[in-house]
Amino acid sequence: MYVYDRVKPVGLLLGIFLMVIGIVFLVTPDRVTEFLAVFIGAVITVFGIFRIISVVVRWNVAINRALLLIFGIIILLAGVFMLFNPDTTITLAGAVTGIIAIMLAVDRFITANRFKGSANIVPTVISGLIHLLFGLGMIFSAIVVFSIIIVLVGIYLLVAGFMFTFSALFFHDF
């Protein structure tokens, strides 16, 4: 009981934190999506700066230093672009995700065709259709699909927060 009493506040705080984040995700999915795009842009910008500094500091011993410096500058410019153009970042990320999903759909359809007559292909075809629909949605409306994903994550975080809180308060199993 003594150990539980010491970690109970952690469970309560974690539960409340998850609920608050879940509510933020549910109430403002567009803002969360934009924040994540800007955050990714900031991380890429910092990485670009790090790459440039790394090359400059090791200039005398670096192999392919000019190429590495150009690579760092390109990363820096991409990060800055992403910082100031979150909608474009989301659209591009959605397009890449959509293309990957469509490629996975094609793979599922080819697999279903290969096993036609020798196995139940219905689950494989359904999987292919889900990939295809998701991929098309990401390509044609990435911002909306990302907002839907953010809402789903918000629901999960809200439920997880309630579970942590109830677990810490009533079930004593945190």
N, C-alpha and C. Protein backbone atom coordinates (compact mmCIF):
# COMPACT_ATOMS: atom_id res chain seq x y z
N MET A 1 0.82 -1.20 0.00
CA MET A 1 0.00 0.00 0.00
C MET A 1 0.86 1.25 0.00
N TYR A 2 2.00 1.20 0.68
CA TYR A 2 2.86 2.37 0.78
C TYR A 2 3.36 2.80 -0.60
N VAL A 3 3.78 1.86 -1.45
CA VAL A 3 4.27 2.19 -2.78
C VAL A 3 3.14 2.81 -3.61
N TYR A 4 1.95 2.23 -3.52
CA TYR A 4 0.81 2.76 -4.28
C TYR A 4 0.53 4.20 -3.89
N ASP A 5 0.56 4.50 -2.59
CA ASP A 5 0.28 5.86 -2.13
C ASP A 5 1.29 6.87 -2.69
N ARG A 6 2.52 6.41 -2.95
CA ARG A 6 3.54 7.31 -3.48
C ARG A 6 3.37 7.56 -4.97
N VAL A 7 2.85 6.58 -5.73
CA VAL A 7 2.72 6.77 -7.18
C VAL A 7 1.32 7.22 -7.59
N LYS A 8 0.38 7.20 -6.65
CA LYS A 8 -0.99 7.61 -6.98
C LYS A 8 -1.05 9.02 -7.57
N PRO A 9 -0.35 10.02 -7.01
CA PRO A 9 -0.40 11.35 -7.62
C PRO A 9 0.13 11.37 -9.06
N VAL A 10 1.10 10.54 -9.35
CA VAL A 10 1.62 10.47 -10.72
C VAL A 10 0.54 9.98 -11.67
N GLY A 11 -0.19 8.95 -11.24
CA GLY A 11 -1.29 8.44 -12.06
C GLY A 11 -2.38 9.47 -12.28
N LEU A 12 -2.71 10.20 -11.23
CA LEU A 12 -3.72 11.24 -11.34
C LEU A 12 -3.26 12.36 -12.28
N LEU A 13 -2.03 12.81 -12.10
CA LEU A 13 -1.51 13.87 -12.97
C LEU A 13 -1.44 13.41 -14.43
N LEU A 14 -0.99 12.19 -14.64
CA LEU A 14 -0.91 11.66 -16.00
C LEU A 14 -2.30 11.57 -16.61
N GLY A 15 -3.26 11.08 -15.84
CA GLY A 15 -4.63 10.98 -16.33
C GLY A 15 -5.22 12.34 -16.69
N ILE A 16 -5.02 13.30 -15.82
CA ILE A 16 -5.54 14.65 -16.09
C ILE A 16 -4.84 15.26 -17.30
N PHE A 17 -3.52 15.09 -17.38
CA PHE A 17 -2.76 15.60 -18.53
C PHE A 17 -3.27 14.99 -19.83
N LEU A 18 -3.47 13.68 -19.86
CA LEU A 18 -3.97 13.03 -21.07
C LEU A 18 -5.37 13.53 -21.43
N MET A 19 -6.22 13.74 -20.43
CA MET A 19 -7.56 14.25 -20.72
C MET A 19 -7.50 15.67 -21.31
N VAL A 20 -6.65 16.51 -20.75
CA VAL A 20 -6.52 17.88 -21.25
C VAL A 20 -6.01 17.86 -22.70
N ILE A 21 -4.98 17.09 -22.96
CA ILE A 21 -4.44 16.99 -24.33
C ILE A 21 -5.51 16.42 -25.26
N GLY A 22 -6.25 15.41 -24.80
CA GLY A 22 -7.32 14.84 -25.61
C GLY A 22 -8.38 15.87 -25.95
N ILE A 23 -8.75 16.68 -24.98
CA ILE A 23 -9.76 17.72 -25.24
C ILE A 23 -9.22 18.76 -26.24
N VAL A 24 -7.96 19.13 -26.09
CA VAL A 24 -7.35 20.07 -27.05
C VAL A 24 -7.38 19.48 -28.45
N PHE A 25 -7.03 18.20 -28.58
CA PHE A 25 -7.05 17.54 -29.88
C PHE A 25 -8.46 17.51 -30.45
N LEU A 26 -9.47 17.25 -29.61
CA LEU A 26 -10.85 17.18 -30.08
C LEU A 26 -11.41 18.54 -30.46
N VAL A 27 -11.09 19.56 -29.69
CA VAL A 27 -11.69 20.88 -29.90
C VAL A 27 -11.02 21.63 -31.05
N THR A 28 -9.71 21.46 -31.21
CA THR A 28 -8.98 22.23 -32.22
C THR A 28 -8.10 21.34 -33.10
N PRO A 29 -8.68 20.39 -33.83
CA PRO A 29 -7.84 19.49 -34.64
C PRO A 29 -7.05 20.23 -35.72
N ASP A 30 -7.61 21.28 -36.30
CA ASP A 30 -6.88 22.02 -37.33
C ASP A 30 -5.65 22.71 -36.75
N ARG A 31 -5.80 23.29 -35.58
CA ARG A 31 -4.67 23.96 -34.92
C ARG A 31 -3.60 22.96 -34.51
N VAL A 32 -4.02 21.79 -34.03
CA VAL A 32 -3.06 20.75 -33.64
C VAL A 32 -2.29 20.28 -34.87
N THR A 33 -3.00 20.08 -35.98
CA THR A 33 -2.36 19.67 -37.22
C THR A 33 -1.34 20.71 -37.65
N GLU A 34 -1.74 21.98 -37.61
CA GLU A 34 -0.83 23.06 -37.99
C GLU A 34 0.36 23.13 -37.05
N PHE A 35 0.11 22.97 -35.75
CA PHE A 35 1.20 22.98 -34.77
C PHE A 35 2.19 21.86 -35.06
N LEU A 36 1.68 20.66 -35.34
CA LEU A 36 2.57 19.54 -35.63
C LEU A 36 3.40 19.80 -36.88
N ALA A 37 2.79 20.41 -37.90
CA ALA A 37 3.52 20.73 -39.12
C ALA A 37 4.63 21.75 -38.82
N VAL A 38 4.32 22.77 -38.03
CA VAL A 38 5.32 23.77 -37.67
C VAL A 38 6.40 23.14 -36.80
N PHE A 39 6.01 22.27 -35.88
CA PHE A 39 6.98 21.59 -35.02
C PHE A 39 7.94 20.76 -35.85
N ILE A 40 7.41 20.01 -36.81
CA ILE A 40 8.27 19.21 -37.69
C ILE A 40 9.20 20.13 -38.47
N GLY A 41 8.68 21.26 -38.96
CA GLY A 41 9.52 22.23 -39.65
C GLY A 41 10.64 22.76 -38.75
N ALA A 42 10.32 23.01 -37.49
CA ALA A 42 11.32 23.50 -36.54
C ALA A 42 12.40 22.44 -36.29
N VAL A 43 11.98 21.20 -36.14
CA VAL A 43 12.94 20.11 -35.92
C VAL A 43 13.86 19.97 -37.13
N ILE A 44 13.30 20.03 -38.32
CA ILE A 44 14.11 19.91 -39.53
C ILE A 44 15.04 21.10 -39.68
N THR A 45 14.58 22.29 -39.33
CA THR A 45 15.43 23.48 -39.37
C THR A 45 16.62 23.33 -38.42
N VAL A 46 16.35 22.90 -37.20
CA VAL A 46 17.42 22.70 -36.22
C VAL A 46 18.39 21.63 -36.71
N PHE A 47 17.87 20.56 -37.31
CA PHE A 47 18.73 19.51 -37.85
C PHE A 47 19.62 20.07 -38.96
N GLY A 48 19.05 20.90 -39.83
CA GLY A 48 19.84 21.52 -40.90
C GLY A 48 20.95 22.38 -40.34
N ILE A 49 20.64 23.18 -39.33
CA ILE A 49 21.64 24.03 -38.68
C ILE A 49 22.74 23.15 -38.07
N PHE A 50 22.34 22.07 -37.40
CA PHE A 50 23.29 21.14 -36.81
C PHE A 50 24.21 20.55 -37.87
N ARG A 51 23.64 20.15 -39.01
CA ARG A 51 24.44 19.57 -40.10
C ARG A 51 25.44 20.59 -40.63
N ILE A 52 25.01 21.83 -40.81
CA ILE A 52 25.90 22.87 -41.33
C ILE A 52 27.04 23.12 -40.34
N ILE A 53 26.72 23.27 -39.07
CA ILE A 53 27.74 23.50 -38.05
C ILE A 53 28.70 22.31 -37.98
N SER A 54 28.16 21.12 -38.05
CA SER A 54 28.97 19.91 -37.99
C SER A 54 29.99 19.87 -39.13
N VAL A 55 29.56 20.22 -40.33
CA VAL A 55 30.47 20.22 -41.47
C VAL A 55 31.52 21.32 -41.34
N VAL A 56 31.08 22.51 -40.92
CA VAL A 56 32.00 23.63 -40.80
C VAL A 56 33.06 23.35 -39.74
N VAL A 57 32.65 22.78 -38.62
CA VAL A 57 33.59 22.48 -37.54
C VAL A 57 34.61 21.43 -37.98
N ARG A 58 34.18 20.47 -38.78
CA ARG A 58 35.08 19.39 -39.23
C ARG A 58 35.53 19.60 -40.68
N TRP A 59 35.55 20.83 -41.13
CA TRP A 59 35.81 21.13 -42.54
C TRP A 59 37.12 20.50 -43.04
N ASN A 60 38.19 20.56 -42.26
CA ASN A 60 39.49 20.07 -42.70
C ASN A 60 39.57 18.55 -42.79
N VAL A 61 38.74 17.84 -42.05
CA VAL A 61 38.81 16.38 -42.04
C VAL A 61 37.60 15.71 -42.69
N ALA A 62 36.58 16.47 -43.01
CA ALA A 62 35.35 15.90 -43.56
C ALA A 62 35.55 15.46 -45.00
N ILE A 63 35.10 14.27 -45.30
CA ILE A 63 35.10 13.77 -46.67
C ILE A 63 33.80 14.26 -47.32
N ASN A 64 33.88 14.70 -48.57
CA ASN A 64 32.72 15.23 -49.30
C ASN A 64 32.11 16.43 -48.57
N ARG A 65 32.95 17.28 -48.02
CA ARG A 65 32.47 18.39 -47.19
C ARG A 65 31.56 19.35 -47.95
N ALA A 66 31.86 19.61 -49.21
CA ALA A 66 31.00 20.53 -49.97
C ALA A 66 29.61 19.92 -50.16
N LEU A 67 29.56 18.64 -50.47
CA LEU A 67 28.28 17.95 -50.64
C LEU A 67 27.50 17.93 -49.33
N LEU A 68 28.20 17.64 -48.23
CA LEU A 68 27.54 17.63 -46.92
C LEU A 68 27.03 19.03 -46.54
N LEU A 69 27.81 20.05 -46.88
CA LEU A 69 27.37 21.42 -46.59
C LEU A 69 26.14 21.78 -47.41
N ILE A 70 26.14 21.41 -48.68
CA ILE A 70 24.97 21.66 -49.53
C ILE A 70 23.75 20.91 -48.98
N PHE A 71 23.95 19.66 -48.56
CA PHE A 71 22.87 18.87 -47.97
C PHE A 71 22.31 19.56 -46.72
N GLY A 72 23.20 20.07 -45.86
CA GLY A 72 22.76 20.79 -44.66
C GLY A 72 21.98 22.04 -44.99
N ILE A 73 22.44 22.77 -46.01
CA ILE A 73 21.74 23.99 -46.42
C ILE A 73 20.36 23.65 -46.99
N ILE A 74 20.27 22.58 -47.78
CA ILE A 74 18.97 22.17 -48.34
C ILE A 74 18.01 21.77 -47.22
N ILE A 75 18.52 21.03 -46.22
CA ILE A 75 17.68 20.65 -45.08
C ILE A 75 17.21 21.89 -44.33
N LEU A 76 18.13 22.84 -44.11
CA LEU A 76 17.77 24.08 -43.42
C LEU A 76 16.70 24.84 -44.18
N LEU A 77 16.86 24.97 -45.49
CA LEU A 77 15.87 25.69 -46.30
C LEU A 77 14.52 24.97 -46.30
N ALA A 78 14.55 23.65 -46.38
CA ALA A 78 13.30 22.88 -46.33
C ALA A 78 12.60 23.08 -44.99
N GLY A 79 13.37 23.07 -43.91
CA GLY A 79 12.79 23.30 -42.59
C GLY A 79 12.18 24.68 -42.44
N VAL A 80 12.88 25.69 -42.93
CA VAL A 80 12.35 27.06 -42.86
C VAL A 80 11.08 27.17 -43.70
N PHE A 81 11.10 26.57 -44.89
CA PHE A 81 9.90 26.57 -45.73
C PHE A 81 8.73 25.92 -44.99
N MET A 82 9.00 24.79 -44.33
CA MET A 82 7.93 24.09 -43.60
C MET A 82 7.42 24.91 -42.42
N LEU A 83 8.32 25.67 -41.79
CA LEU A 83 7.91 26.52 -40.67
C LEU A 83 6.88 27.56 -41.10
N PHE A 84 7.07 28.13 -42.28
CA PHE A 84 6.22 29.23 -42.71
C PHE A 84 5.10 28.81 -43.67
N ASN A 85 5.03 27.52 -44.00
CA ASN A 85 4.00 27.02 -44.91
C ASN A 85 3.43 25.69 -44.39
N PRO A 86 2.79 25.71 -43.22
CA PRO A 86 2.31 24.45 -42.65
C PRO A 86 1.27 23.74 -43.52
N ASP A 87 0.42 24.48 -44.22
CA ASP A 87 -0.57 23.83 -45.07
C ASP A 87 0.10 23.06 -46.21
N THR A 88 1.13 23.65 -46.79
CA THR A 88 1.87 22.95 -47.84
C THR A 88 2.57 21.72 -47.28
N THR A 89 3.12 21.85 -46.08
CA THR A 89 3.78 20.72 -45.43
C THR A 89 2.80 19.58 -45.23
N ILE A 90 1.62 19.90 -44.73
CA ILE A 90 0.59 18.88 -44.49
C ILE A 90 0.17 18.25 -45.81
N THR A 91 -0.02 19.07 -46.84
CA THR A 91 -0.43 18.55 -48.14
C THR A 91 0.63 17.62 -48.72
N LEU A 92 1.89 18.03 -48.63
CA LEU A 92 2.96 17.18 -49.14
C LEU A 92 3.09 15.88 -48.34
N ALA A 93 2.99 16.00 -47.03
CA ALA A 93 3.04 14.80 -46.19
C ALA A 93 1.86 13.88 -46.51
N GLY A 94 0.70 14.47 -46.74
CA GLY A 94 -0.47 13.69 -47.11
C GLY A 94 -0.30 13.03 -48.45
N ALA A 95 0.30 13.74 -49.41
CA ALA A 95 0.52 13.16 -50.74
C ALA A 95 1.47 11.98 -50.66
N VAL A 96 2.56 12.13 -49.91
CA VAL A 96 3.51 11.03 -49.77
C VAL A 96 2.85 9.85 -49.07
N THR A 97 2.12 10.12 -48.00
CA THR A 97 1.41 9.05 -47.28
C THR A 97 0.38 8.40 -48.19
N GLY A 98 -0.34 9.20 -48.97
CA GLY A 98 -1.33 8.67 -49.90
C GLY A 98 -0.72 7.78 -50.96
N ILE A 99 0.41 8.19 -51.51
CA ILE A 99 1.09 7.37 -52.52
C ILE A 99 1.53 6.04 -51.92
N ILE A 100 2.08 6.07 -50.71
CA ILE A 100 2.49 4.83 -50.04
C ILE A 100 1.28 3.94 -49.80
N ALA A 101 0.17 4.53 -49.37
CA ALA A 101 -1.05 3.74 -49.12
C ALA A 101 -1.58 3.12 -50.42
N ILE A 102 -1.53 3.87 -51.51
CA ILE A 102 -1.98 3.32 -52.79
C ILE A 102 -1.06 2.19 -53.25
N MET A 103 0.24 2.35 -53.03
CA MET A 103 1.17 1.26 -53.37
C MET A 103 0.88 0.01 -52.54
N LEU A 104 0.54 0.20 -51.28
CA LEU A 104 0.16 -0.94 -50.44
C LEU A 104 -1.15 -1.56 -50.93
N ALA A 105 -2.07 -0.74 -51.41
CA ALA A 105 -3.32 -1.26 -51.96
C ALA A 105 -3.04 -2.11 -53.20
N VAL A 106 -2.18 -1.63 -54.07
CA VAL A 106 -1.82 -2.41 -55.26
C VAL A 106 -1.19 -3.74 -54.86
N ASP A 107 -0.32 -3.70 -53.86
CA ASP A 107 0.28 -4.93 -53.35
C ASP A 107 -0.78 -5.90 -52.86
N ARG A 108 -1.77 -5.41 -52.13
CA ARG A 108 -2.85 -6.28 -51.61
C ARG A 108 -3.66 -6.87 -52.77
N PHE A 109 -3.94 -6.07 -53.78
CA PHE A 109 -4.72 -6.57 -54.92
C PHE A 109 -3.93 -7.60 -55.71
N ILE A 110 -2.64 -7.39 -55.88
CA ILE A 110 -1.79 -8.37 -56.58
C ILE A 110 -1.73 -9.66 -55.77
N THR A 111 -1.60 -9.54 -54.46
CA THR A 111 -1.58 -10.72 -53.60
C THR A 111 -2.90 -11.47 -53.69
N ALA A 112 -4.01 -10.74 -53.66
CA ALA A 112 -5.32 -11.39 -53.77
C ALA A 112 -5.45 -12.11 -55.10
N ASN A 113 -4.99 -11.50 -56.16
CA ASN A 113 -5.05 -12.13 -57.48
C ASN A 113 -4.20 -13.39 -57.52
N ARG A 114 -3.04 -13.34 -56.88
CA ARG A 114 -2.13 -14.50 -56.87
C ARG A 114 -2.75 -15.67 -56.11
N PHE A 115 -3.48 -15.40 -55.04
CA PHE A 115 -4.06 -16.48 -54.24
C PHE A 115 -5.49 -16.82 -54.63
N LYS A 116 -6.00 -16.17 -55.67
CA LYS A 116 -7.37 -16.43 -56.11
C LYS A 116 -7.54 -17.91 -56.43
N GLY A 117 -8.56 -18.53 -55.86
CA GLY A 117 -8.85 -19.94 -56.09
C GLY A 117 -8.20 -20.87 -55.09
N SER A 118 -7.15 -20.42 -54.39
CA SER A 118 -6.49 -21.31 -53.44
C SER A 118 -6.66 -20.87 -51.99
N ALA A 119 -7.16 -19.67 -51.77
CA ALA A 119 -7.34 -19.18 -50.41
C ALA A 119 -8.47 -18.16 -50.40
N ASN A 120 -8.95 -17.86 -49.20
CA ASN A 120 -9.97 -16.83 -49.04
C ASN A 120 -9.30 -15.47 -49.23
N ILE A 121 -9.65 -14.79 -50.31
CA ILE A 121 -9.00 -13.51 -50.62
C ILE A 121 -9.80 -12.30 -50.14
N VAL A 122 -10.96 -12.52 -49.56
CA VAL A 122 -11.82 -11.41 -49.14
C VAL A 122 -11.10 -10.47 -48.16
N PRO A 123 -10.44 -11.00 -47.12
CA PRO A 123 -9.74 -10.07 -46.21
C PRO A 123 -8.64 -9.27 -46.92
N THR A 124 -7.97 -9.90 -47.86
CA THR A 124 -6.91 -9.21 -48.59
C THR A 124 -7.48 -8.11 -49.47
N VAL A 125 -8.60 -8.38 -50.12
CA VAL A 125 -9.25 -7.38 -50.96
C VAL A 125 -9.77 -6.22 -50.10
N ILE A 126 -10.37 -6.55 -48.96
CA ILE A 126 -10.86 -5.50 -48.05
C ILE A 126 -9.69 -4.64 -47.58
N SER A 127 -8.57 -5.26 -47.24
CA SER A 127 -7.39 -4.52 -46.83
C SER A 127 -6.93 -3.60 -47.96
N GLY A 128 -6.93 -4.10 -49.18
CA GLY A 128 -6.55 -3.29 -50.34
C GLY A 128 -7.47 -2.11 -50.54
N LEU A 129 -8.77 -2.34 -50.36
CA LEU A 129 -9.74 -1.24 -50.51
C LEU A 129 -9.55 -0.17 -49.44
N ILE A 130 -9.27 -0.60 -48.21
CA ILE A 130 -9.02 0.36 -47.13
C ILE A 130 -7.79 1.19 -47.45
N HIS A 131 -6.71 0.54 -47.88
CA HIS A 131 -5.50 1.27 -48.26
C HIS A 131 -5.79 2.25 -49.40
N LEU A 132 -6.54 1.79 -50.39
CA LEU A 132 -6.84 2.61 -51.55
C LEU A 132 -7.66 3.85 -51.16
N LEU A 133 -8.71 3.65 -50.36
CA LEU A 133 -9.56 4.77 -49.94
C LEU A 133 -8.78 5.76 -49.08
N PHE A 134 -7.98 5.23 -48.15
CA PHE A 134 -7.17 6.11 -47.32
C PHE A 134 -6.18 6.89 -48.17
N GLY A 135 -5.52 6.21 -49.10
CA GLY A 135 -4.54 6.86 -49.97
C GLY A 135 -5.16 7.96 -50.81
N LEU A 136 -6.32 7.67 -51.40
CA LEU A 136 -7.00 8.70 -52.20
C LEU A 136 -7.42 9.88 -51.33
N GLY A 137 -7.91 9.58 -50.13
CA GLY A 137 -8.29 10.65 -49.20
C GLY A 137 -7.10 11.52 -48.84
N MET A 138 -5.95 10.90 -48.59
CA MET A 138 -4.76 11.66 -48.23
C MET A 138 -4.29 12.52 -49.39
N ILE A 139 -4.37 12.01 -50.60
CA ILE A 139 -3.91 12.78 -51.75
C ILE A 139 -4.83 13.95 -52.04
N PHE A 140 -6.13 13.73 -51.97
CA PHE A 140 -7.07 14.77 -52.37
C PHE A 140 -7.46 15.73 -51.24
N SER A 141 -7.30 15.31 -49.99
CA SER A 141 -7.67 16.20 -48.89
C SER A 141 -6.87 15.85 -47.63
N ALA A 142 -5.58 16.05 -47.69
CA ALA A 142 -4.71 15.67 -46.59
C ALA A 142 -5.06 16.39 -45.30
N ILE A 143 -5.39 17.67 -45.37
CA ILE A 143 -5.68 18.44 -44.16
C ILE A 143 -6.89 17.87 -43.43
N VAL A 144 -7.93 17.51 -44.19
CA VAL A 144 -9.14 16.94 -43.58
C VAL A 144 -8.83 15.58 -42.95
N VAL A 145 -8.09 14.74 -43.69
CA VAL A 145 -7.77 13.41 -43.17
C VAL A 145 -6.90 13.52 -41.93
N PHE A 146 -5.90 14.40 -41.95
CA PHE A 146 -5.08 14.59 -40.76
C PHE A 146 -5.92 15.11 -39.59
N SER A 147 -6.89 15.97 -39.86
CA SER A 147 -7.77 16.46 -38.80
C SER A 147 -8.59 15.32 -38.21
N ILE A 148 -9.06 14.42 -39.07
CA ILE A 148 -9.81 13.25 -38.59
C ILE A 148 -8.92 12.38 -37.71
N ILE A 149 -7.69 12.18 -38.15
CA ILE A 149 -6.74 11.39 -37.36
C ILE A 149 -6.48 12.06 -36.02
N ILE A 150 -6.33 13.37 -36.01
CA ILE A 150 -6.12 14.11 -34.76
C ILE A 150 -7.31 13.96 -33.83
N VAL A 151 -8.53 14.01 -34.38
CA VAL A 151 -9.74 13.81 -33.56
C VAL A 151 -9.74 12.41 -32.96
N LEU A 152 -9.38 11.40 -33.76
CA LEU A 152 -9.33 10.02 -33.24
C LEU A 152 -8.28 9.89 -32.14
N VAL A 153 -7.13 10.52 -32.33
CA VAL A 153 -6.10 10.51 -31.29
C VAL A 153 -6.62 11.23 -30.05
N GLY A 154 -7.35 12.33 -30.25
CA GLY A 154 -7.93 13.05 -29.12
C GLY A 154 -8.90 12.19 -28.33
N ILE A 155 -9.74 11.44 -29.03
CA ILE A 155 -10.67 10.53 -28.35
C ILE A 155 -9.89 9.50 -27.55
N TYR A 156 -8.86 8.93 -28.17
CA TYR A 156 -8.05 7.95 -27.46
C TYR A 156 -7.41 8.55 -26.22
N LEU A 157 -6.81 9.74 -26.35
CA LEU A 157 -6.15 10.37 -25.21
C LEU A 157 -7.13 10.68 -24.10
N LEU A 158 -8.33 11.11 -24.46
CA LEU A 158 -9.36 11.40 -23.47
C LEU A 158 -9.75 10.12 -22.71
N VAL A 159 -9.99 9.06 -23.44
CA VAL A 159 -10.35 7.78 -22.82
C VAL A 159 -9.19 7.26 -21.97
N ALA A 160 -7.96 7.35 -22.50
CA ALA A 160 -6.80 6.89 -21.73
C ALA A 160 -6.64 7.71 -20.46
N GLY A 161 -6.89 9.01 -20.55
CA GLY A 161 -6.81 9.86 -19.36
C GLY A 161 -7.82 9.45 -18.30
N PHE A 162 -9.07 9.18 -18.74
CA PHE A 162 -10.08 8.68 -17.80
C PHE A 162 -9.64 7.36 -17.19
N MET A 163 -9.10 6.47 -18.00
CA MET A 163 -8.68 5.16 -17.49
C MET A 163 -7.56 5.31 -16.46
N PHE A 164 -6.57 6.16 -16.74
CA PHE A 164 -5.50 6.39 -15.77
C PHE A 164 -6.05 6.99 -14.48
N THR A 165 -6.93 7.96 -14.62
CA THR A 165 -7.49 8.62 -13.43
C THR A 165 -8.30 7.65 -12.59
N PHE A 166 -9.20 6.90 -13.23
CA PHE A 166 -10.01 5.93 -12.48
C PHE A 166 -9.14 4.84 -11.89
N SER A 167 -8.13 4.44 -12.62
CA SER A 167 -7.23 3.41 -12.12
C SER A 167 -6.51 3.89 -10.87
N ALA A 168 -6.06 5.13 -10.89
CA ALA A 168 -5.34 5.66 -9.73
C ALA A 168 -6.29 5.92 -8.55
N LEU A 169 -7.51 6.35 -8.83
CA LEU A 169 -8.44 6.70 -7.76
C LEU A 169 -9.15 5.50 -7.16
N PHE A 170 -9.62 4.59 -8.02
CA PHE A 170 -10.53 3.55 -7.54
C PHE A 170 -9.98 2.14 -7.62
N PHE A 171 -9.18 1.85 -8.62
CA PHE A 171 -8.79 0.45 -8.83
C PHE A 171 -7.45 0.10 -8.20
N HIS A 172 -6.70 1.09 -7.79
CA HIS A 172 -5.41 0.91 -7.10
C HIS A 172 -4.46 0.00 -7.89
N ASP A 173 -4.46 0.14 -9.20
CA ASP A 173 -3.57 -0.70 -10.01
C ASP A 173 -2.64 0.10 -10.90
N PHE A 174 -2.51 1.39 -10.61
CA PHE A 174 -1.63 2.22 -11.44
C PHE A 174 -0.19 1.87 -11.11
